[in-house]
Amino acid sequence: MPVSRRRFSKDFKLKVVHAYLSGGSIGEITRQFDIHANLIYKWTQEYQNNPEGAFRGSATSDEVQTNEQRIAELERLVGRITLENDFLKKALKHAKTILAHDKPGSTKQ
């Protein structure tokens, strides 16, 4: 039976890091927050390397919104090109039927 991974919020991670940086021992913090010591070290290092950007997801909300807008724009473009393609296919088919009736030597009057 697979074990599901726990996910921790940014606020939770900040509480753990601040508890460690304020002088709490690893043993106390692991028992208090019910986490492994390696997480404390990892989160503390991430926080110290980049306090402003620590514990963010892979993309910010601005990036997500920009990507969603780009996707919507591309979907509209695909729709427009599909309509143009259908129109041109019908026009070509119609042109072929007209040319087939106007062959040289036809008896059309």
PDB file of N, CA and C in Angstrom:
ATOM      1  N   MET A   1       0.849  -1.179   0.000  1.00  0.00           N
ATOM      2  CA  MET A   1       0.000   0.000   0.000  1.00  0.00           C
ATOM      3  C   MET A   1       0.891   1.237   0.000  1.00  0.00           C
ATOM      4  N   PRO A   2       0.740   2.117  -0.998  1.00  0.00           N
ATOM      5  CA  PRO A   2       1.605   3.295  -1.094  1.00  0.00           C
ATOM      6  C   PRO A   2       1.292   4.305   0.014  1.00  0.00           C
ATOM      7  N   VAL A   3       2.342   4.939   0.468  1.00  0.00           N
ATOM      8  CA  VAL A   3       2.207   5.961   1.495  1.00  0.00           C
ATOM      9  C   VAL A   3       2.114   7.312   0.799  1.00  0.00           C
ATOM     10  N   SER A   4       1.095   8.092   1.128  1.00  0.00           N
ATOM     11  CA  SER A   4       0.965   9.410   0.509  1.00  0.00           C
ATOM     12  C   SER A   4       1.883  10.402   1.217  1.00  0.00           C
ATOM     13  N   ARG A   5       2.428  11.298   0.442  1.00  0.00           N
ATOM     14  CA  ARG A   5       3.333  12.305   0.985  1.00  0.00           C
ATOM     15  C   ARG A   5       2.527  13.441   1.578  1.00  0.00           C
ATOM     16  N   ARG A   6       3.006  13.939   2.676  1.00  0.00           N
ATOM     17  CA  ARG A   6       2.352  15.094   3.280  1.00  0.00           C
ATOM     18  C   ARG A   6       2.844  16.349   2.585  1.00  0.00           C
ATOM     19  N   ARG A   7       1.949  17.308   2.475  1.00  0.00           N
ATOM     20  CA  ARG A   7       2.307  18.606   1.907  1.00  0.00           C
ATOM     21  C   ARG A   7       2.165  19.641   3.015  1.00  0.00           C
ATOM     22  N   PHE A   8       3.118  20.550   3.044  1.00  0.00           N
ATOM     23  CA  PHE A   8       3.138  21.555   4.094  1.00  0.00           C
ATOM     24  C   PHE A   8       2.969  22.937   3.495  1.00  0.00           C
ATOM     25  N   SER A   9       2.202  23.753   4.183  1.00  0.00           N
ATOM     26  CA  SER A   9       1.970  25.114   3.699  1.00  0.00           C
ATOM     27  C   SER A   9       3.214  25.974   3.944  1.00  0.00           C
ATOM     28  N   LYS A  10       3.227  27.099   3.258  1.00  0.00           N
ATOM     29  CA  LYS A  10       4.331  28.049   3.419  1.00  0.00           C
ATOM     30  C   LYS A  10       4.381  28.542   4.862  1.00  0.00           C
ATOM     31  N   ASP A  11       3.214  28.819   5.453  1.00  0.00           N
ATOM     32  CA  ASP A  11       3.172  29.300   6.838  1.00  0.00           C
ATOM     33  C   ASP A  11       3.750  28.268   7.804  1.00  0.00           C
ATOM     34  N   PHE A  12       3.419  27.002   7.598  1.00  0.00           N
ATOM     35  CA  PHE A  12       3.930  25.938   8.454  1.00  0.00           C
ATOM     36  C   PHE A  12       5.453  25.870   8.355  1.00  0.00           C
ATOM     37  N   LYS A  13       5.969  25.913   7.145  1.00  0.00           N
ATOM     38  CA  LYS A  13       7.411  25.844   6.944  1.00  0.00           C
ATOM     39  C   LYS A  13       8.113  27.023   7.603  1.00  0.00           C
ATOM     40  N   LEU A  14       7.504  28.216   7.490  1.00  0.00           N
ATOM     41  CA  LEU A  14       8.097  29.395   8.124  1.00  0.00           C
ATOM     42  C   LEU A  14       8.106  29.264   9.646  1.00  0.00           C
ATOM     43  N   LYS A  15       7.053  28.705  10.219  1.00  0.00           N
ATOM     44  CA  LYS A  15       7.018  28.486  11.679  1.00  0.00           C
ATOM     45  C   LYS A  15       8.154  27.565  12.095  1.00  0.00           C
ATOM     46  N   VAL A  16       8.353  26.493  11.350  1.00  0.00           N
ATOM     47  CA  VAL A  16       9.418  25.542  11.671  1.00  0.00           C
ATOM     48  C   VAL A  16      10.782  26.216  11.563  1.00  0.00           C
ATOM     49  N   VAL A  17      11.015  26.941  10.494  1.00  0.00           N
ATOM     50  CA  VAL A  17      12.308  27.610  10.289  1.00  0.00           C
ATOM     51  C   VAL A  17      12.556  28.632  11.383  1.00  0.00           C
ATOM     52  N   HIS A  18      11.548  29.423  11.712  1.00  0.00           N
ATOM     53  CA  HIS A  18      11.725  30.441  12.764  1.00  0.00           C
ATOM     54  C   HIS A  18      11.963  29.785  14.116  1.00  0.00           C
ATOM     55  N   ALA A  19      11.323  28.668  14.379  1.00  0.00           N
ATOM     56  CA  ALA A  19      11.560  27.953  15.634  1.00  0.00           C
ATOM     57  C   ALA A  19      13.011  27.481  15.701  1.00  0.00           C
ATOM     58  N   TYR A  20      13.536  26.993  14.587  1.00  0.00           N
ATOM     59  CA  TYR A  20      14.915  26.519  14.555  1.00  0.00           C
ATOM     60  C   TYR A  20      15.899  27.675  14.662  1.00  0.00           C
ATOM     61  N   LEU A  21      15.637  28.754  13.910  1.00  0.00           N
ATOM     62  CA  LEU A  21      16.557  29.885  13.926  1.00  0.00           C
ATOM     63  C   LEU A  21      16.530  30.650  15.246  1.00  0.00           C
ATOM     64  N   SER A  22      15.450  30.526  15.990  1.00  0.00           N
ATOM     65  CA  SER A  22      15.382  31.214  17.286  1.00  0.00           C
ATOM     66  C   SER A  22      16.030  30.401  18.404  1.00  0.00           C
ATOM     67  N   GLY A  23      16.651  29.283  18.022  1.00  0.00           N
ATOM     68  CA  GLY A  23      17.427  28.542  19.012  1.00  0.00           C
ATOM     69  C   GLY A  23      16.815  27.227  19.454  1.00  0.00           C
ATOM     70  N   GLY A  24      15.720  26.825  18.875  1.00  0.00           N
ATOM     71  CA  GLY A  24      15.117  25.554  19.256  1.00  0.00           C
ATOM     72  C   GLY A  24      15.987  24.395  18.807  1.00  0.00           C
ATOM     73  N   SER A  25      15.981  23.326  19.599  1.00  0.00           N
ATOM     74  CA  SER A  25      16.781  22.162  19.212  1.00  0.00           C
ATOM     75  C   SER A  25      16.031  21.334  18.169  1.00  0.00           C
ATOM     76  N   ILE A  26      16.786  20.607  17.379  1.00  0.00           N
ATOM     77  CA  ILE A  26      16.201  19.775  16.342  1.00  0.00           C
ATOM     78  C   ILE A  26      15.237  18.758  16.956  1.00  0.00           C
ATOM     79  N   GLY A  27      15.629  18.161  18.039  1.00  0.00           N
ATOM     80  CA  GLY A  27      14.788  17.160  18.692  1.00  0.00           C
ATOM     81  C   GLY A  27      13.443  17.731  19.126  1.00  0.00           C
ATOM     82  N   GLU A  28      13.479  18.904  19.732  1.00  0.00           N
ATOM     83  CA  GLU A  28      12.231  19.541  20.181  1.00  0.00           C
ATOM     84  C   GLU A  28      11.328  19.874  18.995  1.00  0.00           C
ATOM     85  N   ILE A  29      11.940  20.427  17.963  1.00  0.00           N
ATOM     86  CA  ILE A  29      11.154  20.861  16.806  1.00  0.00           C
ATOM     87  C   ILE A  29      10.554  19.660  16.079  1.00  0.00           C
ATOM     88  N   THR A  30      11.317  18.580  15.919  1.00  0.00           N
ATOM     89  CA  THR A  30      10.777  17.397  15.236  1.00  0.00           C
ATOM     90  C   THR A  30       9.595  16.820  15.996  1.00  0.00           C
ATOM     91  N   ARG A  31       9.678  16.809  17.323  1.00  0.00           N
ATOM     92  CA  ARG A  31       8.542  16.295  18.125  1.00  0.00           C
ATOM     93  C   ARG A  31       7.360  17.264  18.096  1.00  0.00           C
ATOM     94  N   GLN A  32       7.648  18.547  18.203  1.00  0.00           N
ATOM     95  CA  GLN A  32       6.582  19.549  18.248  1.00  0.00           C
ATOM     96  C   GLN A  32       5.784  19.574  16.947  1.00  0.00           C
ATOM     97  N   PHE A  33       6.484  19.523  15.817  1.00  0.00           N
ATOM     98  CA  PHE A  33       5.811  19.656  14.528  1.00  0.00           C
ATOM     99  C   PHE A  33       5.605  18.317  13.811  1.00  0.00           C
ATOM    100  N   ASP A  34       6.107  17.240  14.384  1.00  0.00           N
ATOM    101  CA  ASP A  34       5.962  15.895  13.828  1.00  0.00           C
ATOM    102  C   ASP A  34       6.506  15.815  12.403  1.00  0.00           C
ATOM    103  N   ILE A  35       7.761  16.249  12.263  1.00  0.00           N
ATOM    104  CA  ILE A  35       8.437  16.191  10.968  1.00  0.00           C
ATOM    105  C   ILE A  35       9.836  15.623  11.166  1.00  0.00           C
ATOM    106  N   HIS A  36      10.479  15.235  10.082  1.00  0.00           N
ATOM    107  CA  HIS A  36      11.830  14.689  10.120  1.00  0.00           C
ATOM    108  C   HIS A  36      12.841  15.827  10.186  1.00  0.00           C
ATOM    109  N   ALA A  37      13.956  15.554  10.823  1.00  0.00           N
ATOM    110  CA  ALA A  37      15.004  16.560  10.989  1.00  0.00           C
ATOM    111  C   ALA A  37      15.534  17.057   9.639  1.00  0.00           C
ATOM    112  N   ASN A  38      15.602  16.178   8.646  1.00  0.00           N
ATOM    113  CA  ASN A  38      16.115  16.598   7.340  1.00  0.00           C
ATOM    114  C   ASN A  38      15.276  17.719   6.735  1.00  0.00           C
ATOM    115  N   LEU A  39      13.961  17.706   6.994  1.00  0.00           N
ATOM    116  CA  LEU A  39      13.108  18.782   6.490  1.00  0.00           C
ATOM    117  C   LEU A  39      13.474  20.122   7.121  1.00  0.00           C
ATOM    118  N   ILE A  40      13.787  20.087   8.383  1.00  0.00           N
ATOM    119  CA  ILE A  40      14.161  21.333   9.075  1.00  0.00           C
ATOM    120  C   ILE A  40      15.411  21.922   8.434  1.00  0.00           C
ATOM    121  N   TYR A  41      16.408  21.081   8.202  1.00  0.00           N
ATOM    122  CA  TYR A  41      17.639  21.559   7.580  1.00  0.00           C
ATOM    123  C   TYR A  41      17.380  22.068   6.155  1.00  0.00           C
ATOM    124  N   LYS A  42      16.611  21.299   5.409  1.00  0.00           N
ATOM    125  CA  LYS A  42      16.321  21.671   4.018  1.00  0.00           C
ATOM    126  C   LYS A  42      15.571  22.998   3.959  1.00  0.00           C
ATOM    127  N   TRP A  43      14.516  23.142   4.769  1.00  0.00           N
ATOM    128  CA  TRP A  43      13.713  24.357   4.749  1.00  0.00           C
ATOM    129  C   TRP A  43      14.512  25.552   5.241  1.00  0.00           C
ATOM    130  N   THR A  44      15.353  25.342   6.242  1.00  0.00           N
ATOM    131  CA  THR A  44      16.178  26.437   6.762  1.00  0.00           C
ATOM    132  C   THR A  44      17.158  26.914   5.703  1.00  0.00           C
ATOM    133  N   GLN A  45      17.777  25.973   4.999  1.00  0.00           N
ATOM    134  CA  GLN A  45      18.719  26.345   3.941  1.00  0.00           C
ATOM    135  C   GLN A  45      17.999  27.098   2.825  1.00  0.00           C
ATOM    136  N   GLU A  46      16.817  26.617   2.432  1.00  0.00           N
ATOM    137  CA  GLU A  46      16.058  27.292   1.381  1.00  0.00           C
ATOM    138  C   GLU A  46      15.695  28.709   1.814  1.00  0.00           C
ATOM    139  N   TYR A  47      15.292  28.869   3.058  1.00  0.00           N
ATOM    140  CA  TYR A  47      14.916  30.187   3.568  1.00  0.00           C
ATOM    141  C   TYR A  47      16.123  31.122   3.617  1.00  0.00           C
ATOM    142  N   GLN A  48      17.266  30.603   4.063  1.00  0.00           N
ATOM    143  CA  GLN A  48      18.459  31.443   4.177  1.00  0.00           C
ATOM    144  C   GLN A  48      19.020  31.831   2.807  1.00  0.00           C
ATOM    145  N   ASN A  49      18.852  30.968   1.815  1.00  0.00           N
ATOM    146  CA  ASN A  49      19.336  31.283   0.466  1.00  0.00           C
ATOM    147  C   ASN A  49      18.487  32.347  -0.222  1.00  0.00           C
ATOM    148  N   ASN A  50      17.179  32.338   0.056  1.00  0.00           N
ATOM    149  CA  ASN A  50      16.273  33.275  -0.616  1.00  0.00           C
ATOM    150  C   ASN A  50      15.038  33.499   0.264  1.00  0.00           C
ATOM    151  N   PRO A  51      15.125  34.389   1.250  1.00  0.00           N
ATOM    152  CA  PRO A  51      14.000  34.578   2.167  1.00  0.00           C
ATOM    153  C   PRO A  51      12.705  35.015   1.475  1.00  0.00           C
ATOM    154  N   GLU A  52      12.818  35.850   0.446  1.00  0.00           N
ATOM    155  CA  GLU A  52      11.615  36.338  -0.243  1.00  0.00           C
ATOM    156  C   GLU A  52      10.968  35.271  -1.114  1.00  0.00           C
ATOM    157  N   GLY A  53      11.775  34.456  -1.757  1.00  0.00           N
ATOM    158  CA  GLY A  53      11.247  33.474  -2.695  1.00  0.00           C
ATOM    159  C   GLY A  53      11.133  32.071  -2.132  1.00  0.00           C
ATOM    160  N   ALA A  54      11.424  31.913  -0.857  1.00  0.00           N
ATOM    161  CA  ALA A  54      11.396  30.575  -0.266  1.00  0.00           C
ATOM    162  C   ALA A  54       9.974  30.037  -0.188  1.00  0.00           C
ATOM    163  N   PHE A  55       9.854  28.752  -0.453  1.00  0.00           N
ATOM    164  CA  PHE A  55       8.603  27.996  -0.303  1.00  0.00           C
ATOM    165  C   PHE A  55       7.528  28.391  -1.294  1.00  0.00           C
ATOM    166  N   ARG A  56       7.917  28.928  -2.395  1.00  0.00           N
ATOM    167  CA  ARG A  56       6.955  29.178  -3.462  1.00  0.00           C
ATOM    168  C   ARG A  56       6.845  27.925  -4.301  1.00  0.00           C
ATOM    169  N   GLY A  57       5.751  27.838  -5.033  1.00  0.00           N
ATOM    170  CA  GLY A  57       5.606  26.734  -5.975  1.00  0.00           C
ATOM    171  C   GLY A  57       6.533  26.950  -7.149  1.00  0.00           C
ATOM    172  N   SER A  58       6.382  26.126  -8.163  1.00  0.00           N
ATOM    173  CA  SER A  58       7.259  26.240  -9.315  1.00  0.00           C
ATOM    174  C   SER A  58       6.937  27.471 -10.169  1.00  0.00           C
ATOM    175  N   ALA A  59       5.706  27.973 -10.067  1.00  0.00           N
ATOM    176  CA  ALA A  59       5.323  29.153 -10.845  1.00  0.00           C
ATOM    177  C   ALA A  59       4.523  30.106  -9.962  1.00  0.00           C
ATOM    178  N   THR A  60       4.766  31.398 -10.131  1.00  0.00           N
ATOM    179  CA  THR A  60       4.013  32.380  -9.365  1.00  0.00           C
ATOM    180  C   THR A  60       2.645  32.567 -10.001  1.00  0.00           C
ATOM    181  N   SER A  61       1.746  33.209  -9.267  1.00  0.00           N
ATOM    182  CA  SER A  61       0.390  33.404  -9.793  1.00  0.00           C
ATOM    183  C   SER A  61       0.404  34.298 -11.031  1.00  0.00           C
ATOM    184  N   ASP A  62       1.342  35.251 -11.103  1.00  0.00           N
ATOM    185  CA  ASP A  62       1.456  36.098 -12.295  1.00  0.00           C
ATOM    186  C   ASP A  62       1.865  35.268 -13.514  1.00  0.00           C
ATOM    187  N   GLU A  63       2.795  34.344 -13.304  1.00  0.00           N
ATOM    188  CA  GLU A  63       3.223  33.482 -14.402  1.00  0.00           C
ATOM    189  C   GLU A  63       2.089  32.579 -14.861  1.00  0.00           C
ATOM    190  N   VAL A  64       1.328  32.067 -13.916  1.00  0.00           N
ATOM    191  CA  VAL A  64       0.207  31.194 -14.249  1.00  0.00           C
ATOM    192  C   VAL A  64      -0.827  31.972 -15.053  1.00  0.00           C
ATOM    193  N   GLN A  65      -1.136  33.186 -14.614  1.00  0.00           N
ATOM    194  CA  GLN A  65      -2.111  34.007 -15.323  1.00  0.00           C
ATOM    195  C   GLN A  65      -1.619  34.345 -16.734  1.00  0.00           C
ATOM    196  N   THR A  66      -0.349  34.679 -16.863  1.00  0.00           N
ATOM    197  CA  THR A  66       0.222  34.978 -18.174  1.00  0.00           C
ATOM    198  C   THR A  66       0.150  33.752 -19.082  1.00  0.00           C
ATOM    199  N   ASN A  67       0.466  32.590 -18.532  1.00  0.00           N
ATOM    200  CA  ASN A  67       0.411  31.361 -19.322  1.00  0.00           C
ATOM    201  C   ASN A  67      -1.015  31.040 -19.747  1.00  0.00           C
ATOM    202  N   GLU A  68      -1.982  31.247 -18.859  1.00  0.00           N
ATOM    203  CA  GLU A  68      -3.382  30.993 -19.198  1.00  0.00           C
ATOM    204  C   GLU A  68      -3.857  31.937 -20.298  1.00  0.00           C
ATOM    205  N   GLN A  69      -3.434  33.201 -20.234  1.00  0.00           N
ATOM    206  CA  GLN A  69      -3.793  34.151 -21.280  1.00  0.00           C
ATOM    207  C   GLN A  69      -3.180  33.750 -22.613  1.00  0.00           C
ATOM    208  N   ARG A  70      -1.948  33.293 -22.580  1.00  0.00           N
ATOM    209  CA  ARG A  70      -1.269  32.862 -23.810  1.00  0.00           C
ATOM    210  C   ARG A  70      -1.977  31.643 -24.402  1.00  0.00           C
ATOM    211  N   ILE A  71      -2.384  30.713 -23.553  1.00  0.00           N
ATOM    212  CA  ILE A  71      -3.102  29.523 -24.025  1.00  0.00           C
ATOM    213  C   ILE A  71      -4.415  29.934 -24.678  1.00  0.00           C
ATOM    214  N   ALA A  72      -5.156  30.838 -24.048  1.00  0.00           N
ATOM    215  CA  ALA A  72      -6.427  31.300 -24.611  1.00  0.00           C
ATOM    216  C   ALA A  72      -6.202  31.970 -25.963  1.00  0.00           C
ATOM    217  N   GLU A  73      -5.147  32.774 -26.067  1.00  0.00           N
ATOM    218  CA  GLU A  73      -4.818  33.445 -27.335  1.00  0.00           C
ATOM    219  C   GLU A  73      -4.503  32.418 -28.422  1.00  0.00           C
ATOM    220  N   LEU A  74      -3.729  31.412 -28.081  1.00  0.00           N
ATOM    221  CA  LEU A  74      -3.375  30.381 -29.057  1.00  0.00           C
ATOM    222  C   LEU A  74      -4.588  29.546 -29.463  1.00  0.00           C
ATOM    223  N   GLU A  75      -5.499  29.288 -28.519  1.00  0.00           N
ATOM    224  CA  GLU A  75      -6.718  28.546 -28.851  1.00  0.00           C
ATOM    225  C   GLU A  75      -7.590  29.343 -29.824  1.00  0.00           C
ATOM    226  N   ARG A  76      -7.675  30.661 -29.620  1.00  0.00           N
ATOM    227  CA  ARG A  76      -8.425  31.505 -30.555  1.00  0.00           C
ATOM    228  C   ARG A  76      -7.779  31.468 -31.941  1.00  0.00           C
ATOM    229  N   LEU A  77      -6.454  31.514 -31.976  1.00  0.00           N
ATOM    230  CA  LEU A  77      -5.736  31.465 -33.245  1.00  0.00           C
ATOM    231  C   LEU A  77      -5.984  30.141 -33.966  1.00  0.00           C
ATOM    232  N   VAL A  78      -5.951  29.046 -33.240  1.00  0.00           N
ATOM    233  CA  VAL A  78      -6.224  27.739 -33.839  1.00  0.00           C
ATOM    234  C   VAL A  78      -7.640  27.708 -34.396  1.00  0.00           C
ATOM    235  N   GLY A  79      -8.602  28.249 -33.672  1.00  0.00           N
ATOM    236  CA  GLY A  79      -9.977  28.300 -34.152  1.00  0.00           C
ATOM    237  C   GLY A  79     -10.113  29.099 -35.430  1.00  0.00           C
ATOM    238  N   ARG A  80      -9.456  30.257 -35.464  1.00  0.00           N
ATOM    239  CA  ARG A  80      -9.523  31.110 -36.662  1.00  0.00           C
ATOM    240  C   ARG A  80      -8.875  30.416 -37.860  1.00  0.00           C
ATOM    241  N   ILE A  81      -7.737  29.788 -37.656  1.00  0.00           N
ATOM    242  CA  ILE A  81      -7.059  29.096 -38.747  1.00  0.00           C
ATOM    243  C   ILE A  81      -7.887  27.914 -39.221  1.00  0.00           C
ATOM    244  N   THR A  82      -8.562  27.221 -38.319  1.00  0.00           N
ATOM    245  CA  THR A  82      -9.427  26.109 -38.700  1.00  0.00           C
ATOM    246  C   THR A  82     -10.565  26.596 -39.583  1.00  0.00           C
ATOM    247  N   LEU A  83     -11.165  27.729 -39.205  1.00  0.00           N
ATOM    248  CA  LEU A  83     -12.240  28.288 -40.034  1.00  0.00           C
ATOM    249  C   LEU A  83     -11.728  28.679 -41.418  1.00  0.00           C
ATOM    250  N   GLU A  84     -10.578  29.310 -41.469  1.00  0.00           N
ATOM    251  CA  GLU A  84     -10.001  29.693 -42.756  1.00  0.00           C
ATOM    252  C   GLU A  84      -9.701  28.453 -43.599  1.00  0.00           C
ATOM    253  N   ASN A  85      -9.178  27.431 -42.981  1.00  0.00           N
ATOM    254  CA  ASN A  85      -8.857  26.198 -43.686  1.00  0.00           C
ATOM    255  C   ASN A  85     -10.121  25.553 -44.260  1.00  0.00           C
ATOM    256  N   ASP A  86     -11.180  25.492 -43.465  1.00  0.00           N
ATOM    257  CA  ASP A  86     -12.449  24.933 -43.945  1.00  0.00           C
ATOM    258  C   ASP A  86     -12.990  25.752 -45.114  1.00  0.00           C
ATOM    259  N   PHE A  87     -12.915  27.075 -45.009  1.00  0.00           N
ATOM    260  CA  PHE A  87     -13.390  27.943 -46.080  1.00  0.00           C
ATOM    261  C   PHE A  87     -12.610  27.688 -47.370  1.00  0.00           C
ATOM    262  N   LEU A  88     -11.285  27.606 -47.260  1.00  0.00           N
ATOM    263  CA  LEU A  88     -10.458  27.400 -48.440  1.00  0.00           C
ATOM    264  C   LEU A  88     -10.691  26.023 -49.055  1.00  0.00           C
ATOM    265  N   LYS A  89     -10.936  25.007 -48.236  1.00  0.00           N
ATOM    266  CA  LYS A  89     -11.240  23.677 -48.771  1.00  0.00           C
ATOM    267  C   LYS A  89     -12.537  23.707 -49.582  1.00  0.00           C
ATOM    268  N   LYS A  90     -13.548  24.387 -49.045  1.00  0.00           N
ATOM    269  CA  LYS A  90     -14.828  24.491 -49.751  1.00  0.00           C
ATOM    270  C   LYS A  90     -14.670  25.300 -51.039  1.00  0.00           C
ATOM    271  N   ALA A  91     -13.886  26.373 -50.996  1.00  0.00           N
ATOM    272  CA  ALA A  91     -13.672  27.201 -52.181  1.00  0.00           C
ATOM    273  C   ALA A  91     -12.931  26.407 -53.251  1.00  0.00           C
ATOM    274  N   LEU A  92     -11.949  25.609 -52.852  1.00  0.00           N
ATOM    275  CA  LEU A  92     -11.208  24.791 -53.801  1.00  0.00           C
ATOM    276  C   LEU A  92     -12.121  23.740 -54.436  1.00  0.00           C
ATOM    277  N   LYS A  93     -12.939  23.124 -53.618  1.00  0.00           N
ATOM    278  CA  LYS A  93     -13.877  22.121 -54.133  1.00  0.00           C
ATOM    279  C   LYS A  93     -14.843  22.762 -55.138  1.00  0.00           C
ATOM    280  N   HIS A  94     -15.337  23.945 -54.777  1.00  0.00           N
ATOM    281  CA  HIS A  94     -16.255  24.660 -55.677  1.00  0.00           C
ATOM    282  C   HIS A  94     -15.546  25.047 -56.981  1.00  0.00           C
ATOM    283  N   ALA A  95     -14.310  25.510 -56.879  1.00  0.00           N
ATOM    284  CA  ALA A  95     -13.545  25.903 -58.068  1.00  0.00           C
ATOM    285  C   ALA A  95     -13.297  24.695 -58.965  1.00  0.00           C
ATOM    286  N   LYS A  96     -13.030  23.537 -58.374  1.00  0.00           N
ATOM    287  CA  LYS A  96     -12.811  22.328 -59.163  1.00  0.00           C
ATOM    288  C   LYS A  96     -14.081  21.935 -59.928  1.00  0.00           C
ATOM    289  N   THR A  97     -15.235  22.073 -59.298  1.00  0.00           N
ATOM    290  CA  THR A  97     -16.485  21.723 -59.991  1.00  0.00           C
ATOM    291  C   THR A  97     -16.747  22.692 -61.140  1.00  0.00           C
ATOM    292  N   ILE A  98     -16.447  23.956 -60.946  1.00  0.00           N
ATOM    293  CA  ILE A  98     -16.636  24.945 -62.021  1.00  0.00           C
ATOM    294  C   ILE A  98     -15.687  24.652 -63.170  1.00  0.00           C
ATOM    295  N   LEU A  99     -14.426  24.364 -62.868  1.00  0.00           N
ATOM    296  CA  LEU A  99     -13.454  24.069 -63.916  1.00  0.00           C
ATOM    297  C   LEU A  99     -13.792  22.779 -64.641  1.00  0.00           C
ATOM    298  N   ALA A 100     -14.359  21.818 -63.947  1.00  0.00           N
ATOM    299  CA  ALA A 100     -14.720  20.550 -64.577  1.00  0.00           C
ATOM    300  C   ALA A 100     -15.827  20.763 -65.589  1.00  0.00           C
ATOM    301  N   HIS A 101     -16.737  21.683 -65.358  1.00  0.00           N
ATOM    302  CA  HIS A 101     -17.821  21.961 -66.289  1.00  0.00           C
ATOM    303  C   HIS A 101     -17.374  22.816 -67.466  1.00  0.00           C
ATOM    304  N   ASP A 102     -16.298  23.570 -67.308  1.00  0.00           N
ATOM    305  CA  ASP A 102     -15.832  24.477 -68.360  1.00  0.00           C
ATOM    306  C   ASP A 102     -14.620  23.921 -69.098  1.00  0.00           C
ATOM    307  N   LYS A 103     -14.511  22.603 -69.272  1.00  0.00           N
ATOM    308  CA  LYS A 103     -13.387  22.017 -69.994  1.00  0.00           C
ATOM    309  C   LYS A 103     -13.494  22.380 -71.477  1.00  0.00           C
ATOM    310  N   PRO A 104     -12.347  22.518 -72.125  1.00  0.00           N
ATOM    311  CA  PRO A 104     -12.387  22.794 -73.565  1.00  0.00           C
ATOM    312  C   PRO A 104     -13.093  21.643 -74.313  1.00  0.00           C
ATOM    313  N   GLY A 105     -13.882  22.016 -75.225  1.00  0.00           N
ATOM    314  CA  GLY A 105     -14.606  21.025 -76.010  1.00  0.00           C
ATOM    315  C   GLY A 105     -15.927  20.643 -75.393  1.00  0.00           C
ATOM    316  N   SER A 106     -16.276  21.302 -74.268  1.00  0.00           N
ATOM    317  CA  SER A 106     -17.576  20.973 -73.667  1.00  0.00           C
ATOM    318  C   SER A 106     -18.681  21.600 -74.518  1.00  0.00           C
ATOM    319  N   THR A 107     -19.854  21.096 -74.391  1.00  0.00           N
ATOM    320  CA  THR A 107     -21.002  21.578 -75.203  1.00  0.00           C
ATOM    321  C   THR A 107     -21.814  22.601 -74.442  1.00  0.00           C
ATOM    322  N   LYS A 108     -21.240  23.217 -73.465  1.00  0.00           N
ATOM    323  CA  LYS A 108     -21.977  24.211 -72.667  1.00  0.00           C
ATOM    324  C   LYS A 108     -22.249  25.440 -73.518  1.00  0.00           C
ATOM    325  N   GLN A 109     -23.430  25.925 -73.468  1.00  0.00           N
ATOM    326  CA  GLN A 109     -23.858  27.062 -74.316  1.00  0.00           C
ATOM    327  C   GLN A 109     -24.106  28.288 -73.495  1.00  0.00           C
TER     328      GLN A 109
END
